[in-house]
Amino acid sequence: MTTEFISIGDTVVDEFIELQDARVHCKIDDEECEISMRWGDKIPFKSAVMVAGVGNAANAAVSAARLGLKTAFVTNTGKDAYGKEILNVFKKEKIDTKFVKLHAGIPTNHHYVLSFESERTILVKHEHYPYALPKLPKPKTIYLSSLGEGTEEYHDQVAAYAEAHPEVFFAFQPGTFQMKLGIEKLARIYKRADFVVVNKEEAERILGLSGPQDIKELLEKMRALGPKIALITDGRNGAYAYDGTKTFFVPMYPDVRAPKERTGAGDAFASTVAAALTLGKTLQEALLWGPVNSMSVVQDIGAQRGLLPRKALEEYLAKAPTEYAIKEI
């Protein structure tokens, strides 16, 4: 089997806790909000659901596999019950697991997702694994995403592989700790990338900007870091892409019903666009694919259950309203 899409990054077990007794506080004219609960009390919750084998890179692997790409996943996890469950998840998705390394004595990453009013706050902790890039085949696409702290050398290994294989499409979706590493430490990654995707707030954080920012300027500054395509999502306001010549806008795909939980919407968009490009779609076509999977994934708990196979995604595109279209801005 010729591998077409290789995703690289950490994987986790997510425990979704749906809150019922909480409050959200937002400052006037400030998009940053805080969630609060009573201190020193017993707080009731609606439900708790555990989902194994998730995380930015894992979600991308599942997304690509369901869209028909022969996919492999490079990751590290604990040699424990959670790690074995993660391995089973990938095998069920027909993802090649020969690059999944299980470590004895190191626990599997375990995150807690506090869900409230269709939004979520995630408590994260990445374990320290002995990262080493295995010998990889030459796929069409390498997709790098979230890794934990202490992985600078590992990022250099990925960069070296991507530099040695310029014909491989290299997509980068920075995770929390990668953004903390800063531009300088990841300069080789940004410079080699064919495609970098972040949300608007992440772009501002990466670039060290504060206050309201013009989306076209953000795109230009992100692309100036090196990638051939800069893509920025802006929640319900849609997404934007800049290829150095043209700037495109794609709106949200209309919700078929009220969203249940928004975890994974960004991952679905980013990975679906990358998968569509791997399948030979143009940038404009790929941008139309992304929001469809984002719309679908928020209809269920977790970042993977709602990910669509290619046929279902194309059916949504075929019945899309006329206003769902790419605009050049």
Protein backbone atom coordinates (compact mmCIF):
# COMPACT_ATOMS: atom_id res chain seq x y z
CA MET A 1 0.00 0.00 0.00
CA THR A 2 1.42 3.34 -1.06
CA THR A 3 1.01 5.87 1.72
CA GLU A 4 -0.46 9.17 0.50
CA PHE A 5 -0.96 11.16 3.71
CA ILE A 6 1.22 10.99 6.86
CA SER A 7 0.10 12.89 9.94
CA ILE A 8 2.64 13.68 12.69
CA GLY A 9 1.78 14.83 16.21
CA ASP A 10 0.62 13.85 19.67
CA THR A 11 -2.55 11.92 20.36
CA VAL A 12 -4.68 11.96 23.50
CA VAL A 13 -7.68 10.59 25.30
CA ASP A 14 -10.29 13.34 25.62
CA GLU A 15 -12.81 13.20 28.45
CA PHE A 16 -15.80 15.39 27.60
CA ILE A 17 -17.61 16.79 30.63
CA GLU A 18 -20.83 18.62 29.77
CA LEU A 19 -21.41 21.26 32.44
CA GLN A 20 -24.81 22.45 33.56
CA ASP A 21 -24.01 24.78 36.47
CA ALA A 22 -21.54 27.38 35.20
CA ARG A 23 -21.38 31.01 34.08
CA VAL A 24 -19.60 32.74 31.24
CA HIS A 25 -18.29 36.29 31.71
CA CYS A 26 -17.15 38.46 28.78
CA LYS A 27 -15.64 41.92 29.02
CA ILE A 28 -17.33 44.64 27.00
CA ASP A 29 -15.79 44.93 23.52
CA ASP A 30 -13.53 41.97 24.28
CA GLU A 31 -13.84 38.59 22.57
CA GLU A 32 -11.99 36.87 25.43
CA CYS A 33 -14.42 35.30 27.89
CA GLU A 34 -14.03 33.33 31.10
CA ILE A 35 -16.02 30.45 32.53
CA SER A 36 -16.64 30.23 36.27
CA MET A 37 -18.08 27.77 38.76
CA ARG A 38 -18.63 27.89 42.50
CA TRP A 39 -15.41 27.46 44.45
CA GLY A 40 -15.16 24.73 47.11
CA ASP A 41 -18.50 23.12 46.20
CA LYS A 42 -19.87 20.02 44.51
CA ILE A 43 -20.81 20.96 40.95
CA PRO A 44 -23.33 18.78 39.08
CA PHE A 45 -22.68 17.97 35.41
CA LYS A 46 -24.87 16.58 32.63
CA SER A 47 -22.68 13.86 31.19
CA ALA A 48 -19.14 12.57 30.72
CA VAL A 49 -17.91 10.82 27.57
CA MET A 50 -14.41 9.49 26.93
CA VAL A 51 -13.02 9.54 23.38
CA ALA A 52 -9.69 7.91 22.55
CA GLY A 53 -7.27 8.68 19.75
CA VAL A 54 -7.89 12.39 19.27
CA GLY A 55 -5.75 15.52 19.04
CA ASN A 56 -5.03 17.80 16.09
CA ALA A 57 -2.80 15.37 14.19
CA ALA A 58 -4.92 12.32 15.04
CA ASN A 59 -8.05 14.12 13.87
CA ALA A 60 -6.27 15.00 10.63
CA ALA A 61 -5.33 11.35 10.09
CA VAL A 62 -8.93 10.20 10.57
CA SER A 63 -10.22 13.00 8.35
CA ALA A 64 -7.85 12.08 5.52
CA ALA A 65 -8.56 8.35 5.83
CA ARG A 66 -12.33 8.84 5.66
CA LEU A 67 -11.89 11.00 2.58
CA GLY A 68 -10.21 8.08 0.86
CA LEU A 69 -6.49 8.75 1.30
CA LYS A 70 -4.13 5.93 2.30
CA THR A 71 -3.05 7.35 5.64
CA ALA A 72 -0.40 6.68 8.28
CA PHE A 73 0.06 8.30 11.69
CA VAL A 74 3.33 9.03 13.50
CA THR A 75 2.80 9.43 17.24
CA ASN A 76 3.85 8.40 20.75
CA THR A 77 1.60 7.15 23.52
CA GLY A 78 1.67 5.15 26.72
CA LYS A 79 1.82 1.37 26.79
CA ASP A 80 -1.31 1.26 28.92
CA ALA A 81 -5.03 0.60 28.47
CA TYR A 82 -5.61 4.04 26.97
CA GLY A 83 -2.70 3.58 24.55
CA LYS A 84 -4.04 0.23 23.37
CA GLU A 85 -7.52 1.73 22.92
CA ILE A 86 -6.00 4.51 20.81
CA LEU A 87 -4.26 1.92 18.66
CA ASN A 88 -7.57 0.12 18.13
CA VAL A 89 -9.26 3.38 17.10
CA PHE A 90 -6.71 3.98 14.35
CA LYS A 91 -6.89 0.40 13.12
CA LYS A 92 -10.68 0.65 12.85
CA GLU A 93 -10.20 3.78 10.74
CA LYS A 94 -7.84 1.80 8.46
CA ILE A 95 -4.92 4.04 9.39
CA ASP A 96 -1.46 2.49 9.17
CA THR A 97 -0.22 2.23 12.79
CA LYS A 98 3.32 0.97 12.25
CA PHE A 99 4.65 4.40 13.28
CA VAL A 100 2.65 4.51 16.53
CA LYS A 101 5.11 3.91 19.37
CA LEU A 102 3.84 2.76 22.78
CA HIS A 103 6.09 3.57 25.76
CA ALA A 104 6.12 1.55 28.96
CA GLY A 105 6.19 3.66 32.12
CA ILE A 106 4.88 6.84 30.49
CA PRO A 107 1.12 7.47 30.69
CA THR A 108 -1.02 8.25 27.67
CA ASN A 109 -1.91 11.93 27.21
CA HIS A 110 -5.27 12.59 28.89
CA HIS A 111 -7.16 15.88 28.39
CA TYR A 112 -10.40 17.14 29.90
CA VAL A 113 -12.90 19.04 27.75
CA LEU A 114 -15.33 21.24 29.68
CA SER A 115 -18.32 21.74 27.38
CA PHE A 116 -20.89 24.46 28.03
CA GLU A 117 -23.42 26.13 25.72
CA SER A 118 -21.86 24.52 22.59
CA GLU A 119 -18.40 25.97 23.36
CA ARG A 120 -15.53 24.23 25.14
CA THR A 121 -12.51 24.84 27.33
CA ILE A 122 -9.81 22.15 27.24
CA LEU A 123 -7.46 21.26 30.11
CA VAL A 124 -4.31 19.92 28.43
CA LYS A 125 -1.19 18.07 29.56
CA HIS A 126 1.35 16.54 27.19
CA GLU A 127 3.60 13.80 28.55
CA HIS A 128 7.33 13.81 27.74
CA TYR A 129 8.09 10.98 25.33
CA PRO A 130 11.49 10.13 23.78
CA TYR A 131 10.60 11.57 20.36
CA ALA A 132 12.46 10.29 17.30
CA LEU A 133 11.24 10.50 13.72
CA PRO A 134 11.09 7.01 12.19
CA LYS A 135 12.23 6.29 8.65
CA LEU A 136 9.26 7.36 6.57
CA PRO A 137 8.13 6.49 3.06
CA LYS A 138 7.62 9.33 0.59
CA PRO A 139 3.90 10.28 0.67
CA LYS A 140 2.08 12.99 -1.22
CA THR A 141 1.51 14.97 1.99
CA ILE A 142 3.04 15.35 5.44
CA TYR A 143 0.73 16.98 8.00
CA LEU A 144 2.42 18.28 11.16
CA SER A 145 0.41 19.46 14.14
CA SER A 146 0.33 19.63 17.93
CA LEU A 147 3.33 18.34 19.89
CA GLY A 148 4.25 18.87 23.52
CA GLU A 149 7.10 20.74 25.18
CA GLY A 150 10.71 19.62 24.80
CA THR A 151 10.32 18.66 21.14
CA GLU A 152 12.63 21.22 19.50
CA GLU A 153 15.01 18.53 18.21
CA TYR A 154 12.08 16.48 16.93
CA HIS A 155 10.80 19.50 14.98
CA ASP A 156 14.27 19.83 13.44
CA GLN A 157 14.06 16.17 12.37
CA VAL A 158 10.69 16.81 10.70
CA ALA A 159 12.05 19.95 9.04
CA ALA A 160 15.07 18.04 7.74
CA TYR A 161 12.83 15.35 6.27
CA ALA A 162 10.60 17.95 4.59
CA GLU A 163 13.63 19.84 3.24
CA ALA A 164 15.08 16.63 1.83
CA HIS A 165 11.78 15.88 0.05
CA PRO A 166 10.69 19.16 -1.59
CA GLU A 167 8.18 17.31 -3.78
CA VAL A 168 6.15 16.31 -0.69
CA PHE A 169 3.33 18.71 0.18
CA PHE A 170 4.04 19.90 3.74
CA ALA A 171 1.11 21.17 5.81
CA PHE A 172 1.51 22.71 9.27
CA GLN A 173 -1.25 23.35 11.80
CA PRO A 174 0.52 24.75 14.90
CA GLY A 175 -0.66 23.52 18.28
CA THR A 176 -0.53 25.30 21.65
CA PHE A 177 3.05 24.40 22.58
CA GLN A 178 4.32 24.94 19.04
CA MET A 179 3.02 28.49 19.20
CA LYS A 180 4.83 28.93 22.52
CA LEU A 181 8.08 27.76 20.93
CA GLY A 182 7.96 30.89 18.80
CA ILE A 183 8.74 31.77 15.22
CA GLU A 184 12.54 31.57 15.50
CA LYS A 185 12.67 28.01 16.84
CA LEU A 186 10.25 26.84 14.15
CA ALA A 187 11.68 29.00 11.35
CA ARG A 188 12.63 25.95 9.26
CA ILE A 189 9.11 24.53 9.59
CA TYR A 190 7.40 27.77 8.51
CA LYS A 191 9.88 28.34 5.68
CA ARG A 192 9.46 24.85 4.21
CA ALA A 193 5.67 24.65 4.67
CA ASP A 194 3.44 24.66 1.61
CA PHE A 195 0.42 25.32 3.80
CA VAL A 196 0.02 26.83 7.30
CA VAL A 197 -3.41 27.06 8.92
CA VAL A 198 -4.35 28.81 12.17
CA ASN A 199 -7.34 30.68 13.54
CA LYS A 200 -7.36 34.48 13.79
CA GLU A 201 -6.44 34.60 17.47
CA GLU A 202 -3.60 32.12 16.93
CA ALA A 203 -2.23 34.19 14.04
CA GLU A 204 -2.14 37.24 16.30
CA ARG A 205 -0.41 35.22 19.04
CA ILE A 206 2.20 33.79 16.67
CA LEU A 207 2.95 37.23 15.22
CA GLY A 208 2.96 38.96 18.64
CA LEU A 209 0.16 41.35 17.72
CA SER A 210 -2.56 42.77 19.94
CA GLY A 211 -5.76 44.68 19.29
CA PRO A 212 -7.99 44.41 16.20
CA GLN A 213 -6.10 43.25 13.12
CA ASP A 214 -6.99 43.41 9.44
CA ILE A 215 -7.40 39.87 8.11
CA LYS A 216 -5.54 40.57 4.85
CA GLU A 217 -2.57 41.98 6.77
CA LEU A 218 -2.58 38.92 9.04
CA LEU A 219 -2.55 36.65 6.00
CA GLU A 220 0.33 38.55 4.43
CA LYS A 221 2.35 38.46 7.64
CA MET A 222 1.73 34.75 8.17
CA ARG A 223 2.77 34.02 4.59
CA ALA A 224 5.88 36.16 5.06
CA LEU A 225 7.07 33.51 7.54
CA GLY A 226 7.59 31.22 4.56
CA PRO A 227 4.57 29.09 3.63
CA LYS A 228 3.25 29.14 0.07
CA ILE A 229 -0.35 29.29 1.36
CA ALA A 230 -1.49 31.03 4.55
CA LEU A 231 -4.97 30.11 5.76
CA ILE A 232 -6.78 31.77 8.68
CA THR A 233 -10.11 30.68 10.11
CA ASP A 234 -12.36 33.14 11.91
CA GLY A 235 -15.00 31.01 13.59
CA ARG A 236 -18.50 31.65 12.37
CA ASN A 237 -17.17 34.48 10.19
CA GLY A 238 -15.66 32.00 7.74
CA ALA A 239 -12.08 31.46 6.59
CA TYR A 240 -9.50 33.17 4.39
CA ALA A 241 -6.57 31.96 2.29
CA TYR A 242 -3.70 33.83 0.64
CA ASP A 243 -1.40 32.23 -1.92
CA GLY A 244 0.85 35.23 -2.51
CA THR A 245 -1.26 36.53 -5.39
CA LYS A 246 -4.92 36.20 -4.49
CA THR A 247 -6.91 36.26 -1.25
CA PHE A 248 -9.96 34.03 -1.02
CA PHE A 249 -12.86 33.98 1.44
CA VAL A 250 -15.13 31.01 2.16
CA PRO A 251 -18.18 31.32 4.46
CA MET A 252 -19.38 28.74 6.97
CA TYR A 253 -21.42 25.92 5.53
CA PRO A 254 -24.93 26.41 6.99
CA ASP A 255 -25.64 24.25 10.05
CA VAL A 256 -28.11 21.48 9.27
CA ARG A 257 -29.20 21.71 12.92
CA ALA A 258 -27.99 23.38 16.10
CA PRO A 259 -24.36 22.43 16.90
CA LYS A 260 -23.91 20.06 19.82
CA GLU A 261 -20.27 20.69 20.65
CA ARG A 262 -17.63 22.69 18.74
CA THR A 263 -14.51 20.66 19.53
CA GLY A 264 -12.67 19.76 16.34
CA ALA A 265 -14.28 22.26 13.96
CA GLY A 266 -10.93 23.91 13.24
CA ASP A 267 -9.14 20.57 12.87
CA ALA A 268 -11.85 19.34 10.50
CA PHE A 269 -11.51 22.42 8.33
CA ALA A 270 -7.70 22.42 8.23
CA SER A 271 -7.27 18.70 7.58
CA THR A 272 -10.05 18.56 4.99
CA VAL A 273 -8.52 21.40 2.97
CA ALA A 274 -5.13 19.65 3.13
CA ALA A 275 -6.71 16.32 2.14
CA ALA A 276 -8.56 17.92 -0.77
CA LEU A 277 -5.33 19.48 -2.04
CA THR A 278 -3.67 16.05 -1.73
CA LEU A 279 -6.49 14.62 -3.84
CA GLY A 280 -5.67 17.13 -6.57
CA LYS A 281 -8.31 19.77 -5.91
CA THR A 282 -7.54 23.43 -6.57
CA LEU A 283 -7.22 25.77 -3.61
CA GLN A 284 -10.70 27.20 -4.29
CA GLU A 285 -12.23 23.72 -4.45
CA ALA A 286 -10.40 22.63 -1.31
CA LEU A 287 -11.63 25.68 0.58
CA LEU A 288 -15.22 24.67 -0.18
CA TRP A 289 -14.61 21.19 1.23
CA GLY A 290 -13.33 22.39 4.61
CA PRO A 291 -16.45 24.05 6.07
CA VAL A 292 -18.62 21.05 5.17
CA ASN A 293 -16.65 18.78 7.49
CA SER A 294 -16.56 21.50 10.15
CA MET A 295 -20.34 21.76 10.03
CA SER A 296 -20.70 18.00 10.30
CA VAL A 297 -18.25 17.44 13.14
CA VAL A 298 -19.96 19.89 15.51
CA GLN A 299 -23.18 17.87 15.29
CA ASP A 300 -21.72 15.28 17.67
CA ILE A 301 -19.44 15.01 20.70
CA GLY A 302 -15.75 14.95 19.91
CA ALA A 303 -13.59 15.85 16.97
CA GLN A 304 -14.00 12.70 14.87
CA ARG A 305 -17.49 11.18 15.02
CA GLY A 306 -18.91 13.66 12.52
CA LEU A 307 -16.03 13.52 10.01
CA LEU A 308 -17.47 12.61 6.63
CA PRO A 309 -16.52 10.12 3.93
CA ARG A 310 -15.90 11.71 0.55
CA LYS A 311 -19.26 10.71 -0.95
CA ALA A 312 -21.25 12.30 1.88
CA LEU A 313 -19.15 15.47 1.75
CA GLU A 314 -19.69 15.80 -1.99
CA GLU A 315 -23.44 15.31 -1.49
CA TYR A 316 -23.50 18.30 0.89
CA LEU A 317 -21.57 20.33 -1.68
CA ALA A 318 -24.05 19.39 -4.39
CA LYS A 319 -26.97 20.74 -2.35
CA ALA A 320 -25.18 23.79 -0.95
CA PRO A 321 -27.09 27.10 -1.14
CA THR A 322 -26.02 29.52 -3.86
CA GLU A 323 -24.50 31.91 -1.31
CA TYR A 324 -22.04 29.18 -0.29
CA ALA A 325 -19.28 30.20 -2.70
CA ILE A 326 -15.67 31.34 -2.83
CA LYS A 327 -15.11 35.07 -3.06
CA GLU A 328 -11.89 36.81 -4.04
CA ILE A 329 -11.25 39.82 -1.79
